Amino acid sequence: MNETFIKIVDGLRYNTETATKICTFESDVGSSDFKFERTALFRTPKGRFFLAGYGGALSHWSVLSECNGQIGGEGLTPIDTEAARSFAELHADADTVAEFFEFEDA
């Protein structure tokens, strides 16, 4: 599968080659499983966040097939700061989250 993604959304170009990868989620099933998913969180040089990845027919990246079923797919999706923080808090260590997001001590 392609690990380099470039997409223009609302006049903004998102590119995994020029962005900083913050963290990655990979499902705990094999790559041939319909639920397999590999998704990475990125930040562009201008501070915008996006997810890029690929997966099976039952993953975040699935797409409709011509027969009205689901098949595996890949893609890139811009997300807001809160969604990026939530993804990072689930899939990155505390130091990484603190590097990219504001926080306060409890």
N, C-alpha and C. Protein backbone atom coordinates (compact mmCIF):
# COMPACT_ATOMS: atom_id res chain seq x y z
N MET A 1 0.84 -1.20 0.00
CA MET A 1 0.00 0.00 0.00
C MET A 1 0.88 1.25 0.00
N ASN A 2 0.30 2.29 -0.52
CA ASN A 2 0.98 3.57 -0.59
C ASN A 2 1.13 4.17 0.80
N GLU A 3 2.32 4.62 1.13
CA GLU A 3 2.56 5.28 2.43
C GLU A 3 2.72 6.79 2.25
N THR A 4 2.75 7.26 1.01
CA THR A 4 2.83 8.69 0.73
C THR A 4 1.48 9.14 0.21
N PHE A 5 0.91 10.14 0.87
CA PHE A 5 -0.40 10.65 0.48
C PHE A 5 -0.30 12.15 0.26
N ILE A 6 -0.91 12.61 -0.82
CA ILE A 6 -1.03 14.04 -1.11
C ILE A 6 -2.47 14.27 -1.54
N LYS A 7 -3.10 15.26 -0.91
CA LYS A 7 -4.49 15.56 -1.25
C LYS A 7 -4.73 17.04 -1.05
N ILE A 8 -5.49 17.64 -1.95
CA ILE A 8 -5.88 19.05 -1.80
C ILE A 8 -7.33 19.08 -1.35
N VAL A 9 -7.56 19.75 -0.22
CA VAL A 9 -8.90 19.87 0.37
C VAL A 9 -9.15 21.35 0.67
N ASP A 10 -10.21 21.89 0.13
CA ASP A 10 -10.56 23.30 0.33
C ASP A 10 -9.40 24.23 0.02
N GLY A 11 -8.67 23.93 -1.05
CA GLY A 11 -7.57 24.77 -1.48
C GLY A 11 -6.28 24.62 -0.69
N LEU A 12 -6.22 23.63 0.21
CA LEU A 12 -5.03 23.39 1.02
C LEU A 12 -4.43 22.03 0.65
N ARG A 13 -3.11 22.00 0.41
CA ARG A 13 -2.45 20.75 0.08
C ARG A 13 -1.92 20.09 1.35
N TYR A 14 -2.29 18.84 1.55
CA TYR A 14 -1.81 18.01 2.65
C TYR A 14 -0.89 16.97 2.05
N ASN A 15 0.31 16.82 2.63
CA ASN A 15 1.32 15.94 2.05
C ASN A 15 2.08 15.24 3.18
N THR A 16 2.04 13.93 3.19
CA THR A 16 2.73 13.19 4.24
C THR A 16 4.24 13.32 4.14
N GLU A 17 4.75 13.68 2.97
CA GLU A 17 6.19 13.82 2.79
C GLU A 17 6.72 15.09 3.47
N THR A 18 5.90 16.13 3.54
CA THR A 18 6.37 17.40 4.11
C THR A 18 5.83 17.65 5.52
N ALA A 19 4.91 16.82 5.97
CA ALA A 19 4.32 16.98 7.30
C ALA A 19 5.13 16.18 8.33
N THR A 20 4.90 16.48 9.59
CA THR A 20 5.53 15.77 10.70
C THR A 20 4.58 14.69 11.20
N LYS A 21 5.07 13.45 11.23
CA LYS A 21 4.25 12.36 11.77
C LYS A 21 4.30 12.44 13.29
N ILE A 22 3.13 12.47 13.92
CA ILE A 22 3.05 12.56 15.37
C ILE A 22 2.97 11.17 16.00
N CYS A 23 2.09 10.33 15.49
CA CYS A 23 1.94 8.98 16.02
C CYS A 23 1.19 8.11 15.01
N THR A 24 1.21 6.82 15.25
CA THR A 24 0.56 5.87 14.35
C THR A 24 -0.24 4.87 15.16
N PHE A 25 -1.41 4.53 14.63
CA PHE A 25 -2.22 3.44 15.16
C PHE A 25 -2.21 2.31 14.15
N GLU A 26 -1.92 1.10 14.61
CA GLU A 26 -2.04 -0.08 13.76
C GLU A 26 -2.86 -1.11 14.52
N SER A 27 -3.93 -1.57 13.89
CA SER A 27 -4.80 -2.54 14.55
C SER A 27 -4.02 -3.81 14.87
N ASP A 28 -4.53 -4.57 15.82
CA ASP A 28 -3.82 -5.76 16.28
C ASP A 28 -4.22 -7.02 15.53
N VAL A 29 -4.79 -6.86 14.34
CA VAL A 29 -5.11 -8.01 13.49
C VAL A 29 -4.16 -8.00 12.29
N GLY A 30 -4.04 -9.10 11.63
CA GLY A 30 -3.15 -9.19 10.48
C GLY A 30 -3.62 -8.34 9.31
N SER A 31 -2.70 -8.00 8.43
CA SER A 31 -3.00 -7.10 7.32
C SER A 31 -4.00 -7.70 6.32
N SER A 32 -4.23 -9.01 6.37
CA SER A 32 -5.22 -9.62 5.48
C SER A 32 -6.62 -9.62 6.09
N ASP A 33 -6.75 -9.19 7.34
CA ASP A 33 -8.05 -9.14 8.02
C ASP A 33 -8.83 -7.92 7.55
N PHE A 34 -10.15 -8.06 7.39
CA PHE A 34 -10.99 -6.94 6.96
C PHE A 34 -10.93 -5.77 7.94
N LYS A 35 -10.62 -6.02 9.21
CA LYS A 35 -10.56 -4.97 10.22
C LYS A 35 -9.19 -4.30 10.34
N PHE A 36 -8.22 -4.78 9.56
CA PHE A 36 -6.88 -4.19 9.63
C PHE A 36 -6.93 -2.71 9.27
N GLU A 37 -6.14 -1.92 10.01
CA GLU A 37 -6.04 -0.49 9.75
C GLU A 37 -4.68 0.01 10.20
N ARG A 38 -4.10 0.88 9.42
CA ARG A 38 -2.89 1.61 9.79
C ARG A 38 -3.16 3.07 9.50
N THR A 39 -3.19 3.87 10.56
CA THR A 39 -3.52 5.29 10.45
C THR A 39 -2.50 6.10 11.21
N ALA A 40 -2.01 7.15 10.58
CA ALA A 40 -1.03 8.03 11.22
C ALA A 40 -1.59 9.45 11.32
N LEU A 41 -1.23 10.12 12.39
CA LEU A 41 -1.59 11.52 12.61
C LEU A 41 -0.40 12.38 12.20
N PHE A 42 -0.68 13.41 11.42
CA PHE A 42 0.36 14.32 10.93
C PHE A 42 0.00 15.76 11.24
N ARG A 43 1.04 16.62 11.29
CA ARG A 43 0.85 18.07 11.38
C ARG A 43 1.63 18.71 10.24
N THR A 44 0.97 19.59 9.50
CA THR A 44 1.63 20.27 8.39
C THR A 44 2.60 21.32 8.94
N PRO A 45 3.50 21.82 8.11
CA PRO A 45 4.40 22.89 8.56
C PRO A 45 3.65 24.14 9.03
N LYS A 46 2.41 24.32 8.56
CA LYS A 46 1.61 25.48 8.99
C LYS A 46 0.69 25.16 10.16
N GLY A 47 0.81 23.96 10.73
CA GLY A 47 0.09 23.64 11.95
C GLY A 47 -1.27 22.98 11.79
N ARG A 48 -1.63 22.57 10.60
CA ARG A 48 -2.90 21.86 10.40
C ARG A 48 -2.69 20.37 10.60
N PHE A 49 -3.73 19.70 11.08
CA PHE A 49 -3.63 18.27 11.37
C PHE A 49 -4.40 17.45 10.35
N PHE A 50 -3.92 16.22 10.11
CA PHE A 50 -4.65 15.30 9.25
C PHE A 50 -4.27 13.87 9.58
N LEU A 51 -5.17 12.96 9.21
CA LEU A 51 -4.93 11.53 9.31
C LEU A 51 -4.69 10.99 7.92
N ALA A 52 -3.79 10.03 7.80
CA ALA A 52 -3.55 9.36 6.53
C ALA A 52 -3.34 7.88 6.82
N GLY A 53 -3.85 7.03 5.94
CA GLY A 53 -3.65 5.62 6.17
C GLY A 53 -4.38 4.74 5.19
N TYR A 54 -4.48 3.49 5.57
CA TYR A 54 -5.13 2.49 4.72
C TYR A 54 -5.66 1.37 5.60
N GLY A 55 -6.55 0.58 5.04
CA GLY A 55 -7.10 -0.51 5.81
C GLY A 55 -8.06 -1.37 5.01
N GLY A 56 -8.59 -2.36 5.68
CA GLY A 56 -9.48 -3.33 5.06
C GLY A 56 -10.91 -2.86 4.96
N ALA A 57 -11.77 -3.79 4.52
CA ALA A 57 -13.17 -3.48 4.23
C ALA A 57 -13.98 -3.06 5.46
N LEU A 58 -13.51 -3.38 6.66
CA LEU A 58 -14.21 -3.00 7.88
C LEU A 58 -13.42 -1.98 8.69
N SER A 59 -12.57 -1.24 8.02
CA SER A 59 -11.74 -0.23 8.69
C SER A 59 -12.27 1.17 8.42
N HIS A 60 -11.62 2.14 9.05
CA HIS A 60 -11.92 3.56 8.83
C HIS A 60 -11.75 3.93 7.36
N TRP A 61 -10.90 3.25 6.64
CA TRP A 61 -10.54 3.61 5.27
C TRP A 61 -11.32 2.85 4.20
N SER A 62 -12.32 2.09 4.59
CA SER A 62 -13.09 1.32 3.60
C SER A 62 -13.84 2.26 2.66
N VAL A 63 -14.12 1.76 1.47
CA VAL A 63 -14.87 2.51 0.46
C VAL A 63 -15.93 1.59 -0.13
N LEU A 64 -16.96 2.20 -0.72
CA LEU A 64 -18.00 1.42 -1.36
C LEU A 64 -17.46 0.81 -2.65
N SER A 65 -17.79 -0.44 -2.88
CA SER A 65 -17.42 -1.09 -4.13
C SER A 65 -18.54 -0.89 -5.14
N GLU A 66 -18.30 -1.27 -6.37
CA GLU A 66 -19.31 -1.15 -7.41
C GLU A 66 -20.51 -2.06 -7.15
N CYS A 67 -20.35 -3.07 -6.33
CA CYS A 67 -21.43 -4.01 -6.02
C CYS A 67 -22.15 -3.65 -4.72
N ASN A 68 -22.02 -2.41 -4.27
CA ASN A 68 -22.64 -1.91 -3.04
C ASN A 68 -22.10 -2.55 -1.77
N GLY A 69 -20.95 -3.17 -1.83
CA GLY A 69 -20.29 -3.69 -0.65
C GLY A 69 -19.16 -2.77 -0.25
N GLN A 70 -18.41 -3.15 0.75
CA GLN A 70 -17.26 -2.38 1.20
C GLN A 70 -15.99 -3.11 0.79
N ILE A 71 -14.99 -2.35 0.39
CA ILE A 71 -13.67 -2.90 0.12
C ILE A 71 -12.63 -2.05 0.84
N GLY A 72 -11.43 -2.58 0.97
CA GLY A 72 -10.37 -1.83 1.62
C GLY A 72 -10.02 -0.59 0.82
N GLY A 73 -9.43 0.37 1.50
CA GLY A 73 -9.07 1.61 0.83
C GLY A 73 -7.96 2.33 1.56
N GLU A 74 -7.69 3.52 1.09
CA GLU A 74 -6.66 4.36 1.68
C GLU A 74 -7.08 5.80 1.50
N GLY A 75 -6.44 6.69 2.25
CA GLY A 75 -6.81 8.07 2.08
C GLY A 75 -6.15 9.01 3.06
N LEU A 76 -6.63 10.24 3.02
CA LEU A 76 -6.12 11.34 3.85
C LEU A 76 -7.33 12.19 4.23
N THR A 77 -7.44 12.52 5.52
CA THR A 77 -8.57 13.29 6.02
C THR A 77 -8.10 14.41 6.93
N PRO A 78 -8.33 15.68 6.58
CA PRO A 78 -8.01 16.77 7.50
C PRO A 78 -8.90 16.67 8.74
N ILE A 79 -8.35 17.00 9.90
CA ILE A 79 -9.11 17.00 11.15
C ILE A 79 -8.77 18.25 11.95
N ASP A 80 -9.65 18.61 12.87
CA ASP A 80 -9.39 19.79 13.69
C ASP A 80 -8.47 19.44 14.86
N THR A 81 -8.06 20.45 15.59
CA THR A 81 -7.09 20.27 16.67
C THR A 81 -7.62 19.34 17.77
N GLU A 82 -8.89 19.45 18.10
CA GLU A 82 -9.45 18.61 19.16
C GLU A 82 -9.46 17.13 18.76
N ALA A 83 -9.82 16.85 17.51
CA ALA A 83 -9.79 15.46 17.03
C ALA A 83 -8.36 14.94 16.99
N ALA A 84 -7.42 15.80 16.62
CA ALA A 84 -6.01 15.41 16.59
C ALA A 84 -5.51 15.11 18.00
N ARG A 85 -5.88 15.96 18.94
CA ARG A 85 -5.48 15.72 20.33
C ARG A 85 -6.05 14.40 20.84
N SER A 86 -7.31 14.15 20.56
CA SER A 86 -7.94 12.89 21.00
C SER A 86 -7.22 11.68 20.41
N PHE A 87 -6.90 11.74 19.13
CA PHE A 87 -6.18 10.63 18.49
C PHE A 87 -4.81 10.44 19.15
N ALA A 88 -4.10 11.54 19.37
CA ALA A 88 -2.78 11.46 19.99
C ALA A 88 -2.86 10.93 21.42
N GLU A 89 -3.84 11.37 22.19
CA GLU A 89 -3.97 10.89 23.56
C GLU A 89 -4.23 9.39 23.62
N LEU A 90 -4.89 8.85 22.58
CA LEU A 90 -5.15 7.41 22.52
C LEU A 90 -3.94 6.60 22.03
N HIS A 91 -3.13 7.21 21.16
CA HIS A 91 -2.12 6.42 20.45
C HIS A 91 -0.68 6.89 20.61
N ALA A 92 -0.43 7.90 21.41
CA ALA A 92 0.94 8.39 21.62
C ALA A 92 1.24 8.45 23.11
N ASP A 93 2.53 8.53 23.43
CA ASP A 93 2.90 8.65 24.84
C ASP A 93 2.71 10.11 25.29
N ALA A 94 2.76 10.31 26.59
CA ALA A 94 2.48 11.63 27.18
C ALA A 94 3.46 12.70 26.68
N ASP A 95 4.73 12.35 26.51
CA ASP A 95 5.70 13.33 26.02
C ASP A 95 5.36 13.81 24.61
N THR A 96 4.93 12.90 23.77
CA THR A 96 4.57 13.27 22.40
C THR A 96 3.34 14.16 22.40
N VAL A 97 2.34 13.83 23.19
CA VAL A 97 1.14 14.67 23.27
C VAL A 97 1.52 16.07 23.74
N ALA A 98 2.37 16.16 24.76
CA ALA A 98 2.78 17.46 25.30
C ALA A 98 3.59 18.27 24.28
N GLU A 99 4.30 17.59 23.39
CA GLU A 99 5.10 18.28 22.38
C GLU A 99 4.23 19.00 21.35
N PHE A 100 3.07 18.44 21.04
CA PHE A 100 2.25 18.97 19.95
C PHE A 100 0.98 19.69 20.40
N PHE A 101 0.60 19.55 21.67
CA PHE A 101 -0.66 20.10 22.13
C PHE A 101 -0.49 20.78 23.48
N GLU A 102 -1.31 21.80 23.72
CA GLU A 102 -1.31 22.48 25.02
C GLU A 102 -1.97 21.58 26.04
N PHE A 103 -1.53 21.68 27.27
CA PHE A 103 -2.10 20.87 28.35
C PHE A 103 -1.91 21.62 29.65
N GLU A 104 -2.58 21.14 30.68
CA GLU A 104 -2.36 21.67 32.02
C GLU A 104 -2.30 20.48 32.98
N ASP A 105 -1.60 20.66 34.06
CA ASP A 105 -1.51 19.61 35.05
C ASP A 105 -2.82 19.51 35.81
N ALA A 106 -3.16 18.29 36.19
CA ALA A 106 -4.43 18.05 36.90
C ALA A 106 -4.33 18.54 38.33
